[in-house]
Amino acid sequence: MDEEFVTAVEALTGPISRILRQALGFPLPALAGSDLGIELPARGLVDGAVAVIMVQDKCSRAEAFAQ
């Protein structure tokens, strides 16, 4: 990855982070007895949001998930 690519990615982390932080605020239904076909993509969204926060804030998964 060259410097131009890294700069472009860094420019996107702020807006994406804000969007994903908002997404983390939506309650996810409990997995017990529900349709996993619906739940698994939602879990992927949460995992993605946490990963973006971890990169942007340079923090652990637990710290990112708590935000």
C-alpha atoms as a PDB file:
ATOM      1  CA  MET A   1       0.000   0.000   0.000  1.00  0.00           C
ATOM      2  CA  ASP A   2       1.424   3.322  -1.019  1.00  0.00           C
ATOM      3  CA  GLU A   3       1.088   6.604   0.871  1.00  0.00           C
ATOM      4  CA  GLU A   4      -1.716   7.854  -1.403  1.00  0.00           C
ATOM      5  CA  PHE A   5      -3.803   4.755  -0.649  1.00  0.00           C
ATOM      6  CA  VAL A   6      -3.232   5.046   3.101  1.00  0.00           C
ATOM      7  CA  THR A   7      -4.205   8.737   3.004  1.00  0.00           C
ATOM      8  CA  ALA A   8      -7.404   7.920   1.105  1.00  0.00           C
ATOM      9  CA  VAL A   9      -8.351   5.202   3.590  1.00  0.00           C
ATOM     10  CA  GLU A  10      -7.629   7.475   6.556  1.00  0.00           C
ATOM     11  CA  ALA A  11      -9.869  10.160   5.027  1.00  0.00           C
ATOM     12  CA  LEU A  12     -12.756   7.685   4.940  1.00  0.00           C
ATOM     13  CA  THR A  13     -12.390   6.312   8.465  1.00  0.00           C
ATOM     14  CA  GLY A  14     -14.017   9.315  10.147  1.00  0.00           C
ATOM     15  CA  PRO A  15     -17.303   9.300   8.189  1.00  0.00           C
ATOM     16  CA  ILE A  16     -17.501   5.504   8.165  1.00  0.00           C
ATOM     17  CA  SER A  17     -16.776   5.358  11.882  1.00  0.00           C
ATOM     18  CA  ARG A  18     -19.610   7.791  12.658  1.00  0.00           C
ATOM     19  CA  ILE A  19     -22.063   5.768  10.567  1.00  0.00           C
ATOM     20  CA  LEU A  20     -21.022   2.473  12.118  1.00  0.00           C
ATOM     21  CA  ARG A  21     -21.109   3.892  15.661  1.00  0.00           C
ATOM     22  CA  GLN A  22     -24.724   4.843  15.008  1.00  0.00           C
ATOM     23  CA  ALA A  23     -25.411   1.347  13.681  1.00  0.00           C
ATOM     24  CA  LEU A  24     -24.058  -0.111  16.920  1.00  0.00           C
ATOM     25  CA  GLY A  25     -26.758   1.807  18.758  1.00  0.00           C
ATOM     26  CA  PHE A  26     -29.545  -0.227  17.153  1.00  0.00           C
ATOM     27  CA  PRO A  27     -30.609  -3.219  19.242  1.00  0.00           C
ATOM     28  CA  LEU A  28     -30.027  -6.628  17.722  1.00  0.00           C
ATOM     29  CA  PRO A  29     -32.640  -9.311  18.477  1.00  0.00           C
ATOM     30  CA  ALA A  30     -31.490 -12.235  20.590  1.00  0.00           C
ATOM     31  CA  LEU A  31     -30.145 -15.147  18.544  1.00  0.00           C
ATOM     32  CA  ALA A  32     -31.992 -17.816  20.539  1.00  0.00           C
ATOM     33  CA  GLY A  33     -34.839 -19.151  18.448  1.00  0.00           C
ATOM     34  CA  SER A  34     -34.503 -16.581  15.692  1.00  0.00           C
ATOM     35  CA  ASP A  35     -33.662 -16.842  12.016  1.00  0.00           C
ATOM     36  CA  LEU A  36     -29.864 -16.938  11.761  1.00  0.00           C
ATOM     37  CA  GLY A  37     -30.090 -15.923   8.111  1.00  0.00           C
ATOM     38  CA  ILE A  38     -31.129 -12.481   9.331  1.00  0.00           C
ATOM     39  CA  GLU A  39     -28.873 -12.313  12.379  1.00  0.00           C
ATOM     40  CA  LEU A  40     -25.541 -13.279  10.848  1.00  0.00           C
ATOM     41  CA  PRO A  41     -25.331 -10.334   8.424  1.00  0.00           C
ATOM     42  CA  ALA A  42     -26.200  -7.990  11.315  1.00  0.00           C
ATOM     43  CA  ARG A  43     -23.380  -9.515  13.343  1.00  0.00           C
ATOM     44  CA  GLY A  44     -21.036  -8.890  10.429  1.00  0.00           C
ATOM     45  CA  LEU A  45     -22.043  -5.221  10.443  1.00  0.00           C
ATOM     46  CA  VAL A  46     -21.284  -4.942  14.144  1.00  0.00           C
ATOM     47  CA  ASP A  47     -17.930  -6.695  13.710  1.00  0.00           C
ATOM     48  CA  GLY A  48     -17.073  -4.340  10.873  1.00  0.00           C
ATOM     49  CA  ALA A  49     -18.015  -1.309  12.940  1.00  0.00           C
ATOM     50  CA  VAL A  50     -15.879  -2.482  15.839  1.00  0.00           C
ATOM     51  CA  ALA A  51     -12.921  -3.069  13.506  1.00  0.00           C
ATOM     52  CA  VAL A  52     -13.171   0.450  12.070  1.00  0.00           C
ATOM     53  CA  ILE A  53     -13.323   1.958  15.563  1.00  0.00           C
ATOM     54  CA  MET A  54     -10.317  -0.130  16.626  1.00  0.00           C
ATOM     55  CA  VAL A  55      -8.259   1.145  13.693  1.00  0.00           C
ATOM     56  CA  GLN A  56      -9.349   4.765  14.035  1.00  0.00           C
ATOM     57  CA  ASP A  57      -8.991   4.982  17.817  1.00  0.00           C
ATOM     58  CA  LYS A  58      -6.076   2.522  18.081  1.00  0.00           C
ATOM     59  CA  CYS A  59      -7.841   0.621  20.854  1.00  0.00           C
ATOM     60  CA  SER A  60      -8.700  -2.943  21.812  1.00  0.00           C
ATOM     61  CA  ARG A  61     -11.844  -4.767  20.681  1.00  0.00           C
ATOM     62  CA  ALA A  62     -13.351  -4.414  24.158  1.00  0.00           C
ATOM     63  CA  GLU A  63     -12.686  -0.670  24.197  1.00  0.00           C
ATOM     64  CA  ALA A  64     -14.119  -0.239  20.691  1.00  0.00           C
ATOM     65  CA  PHE A  65     -17.230  -2.258  21.502  1.00  0.00           C
ATOM     66  CA  ALA A  66     -17.832  -0.186  24.636  1.00  0.00           C
ATOM     67  CA  GLN A  67     -17.978   3.047  22.618  1.00  0.00           C
END
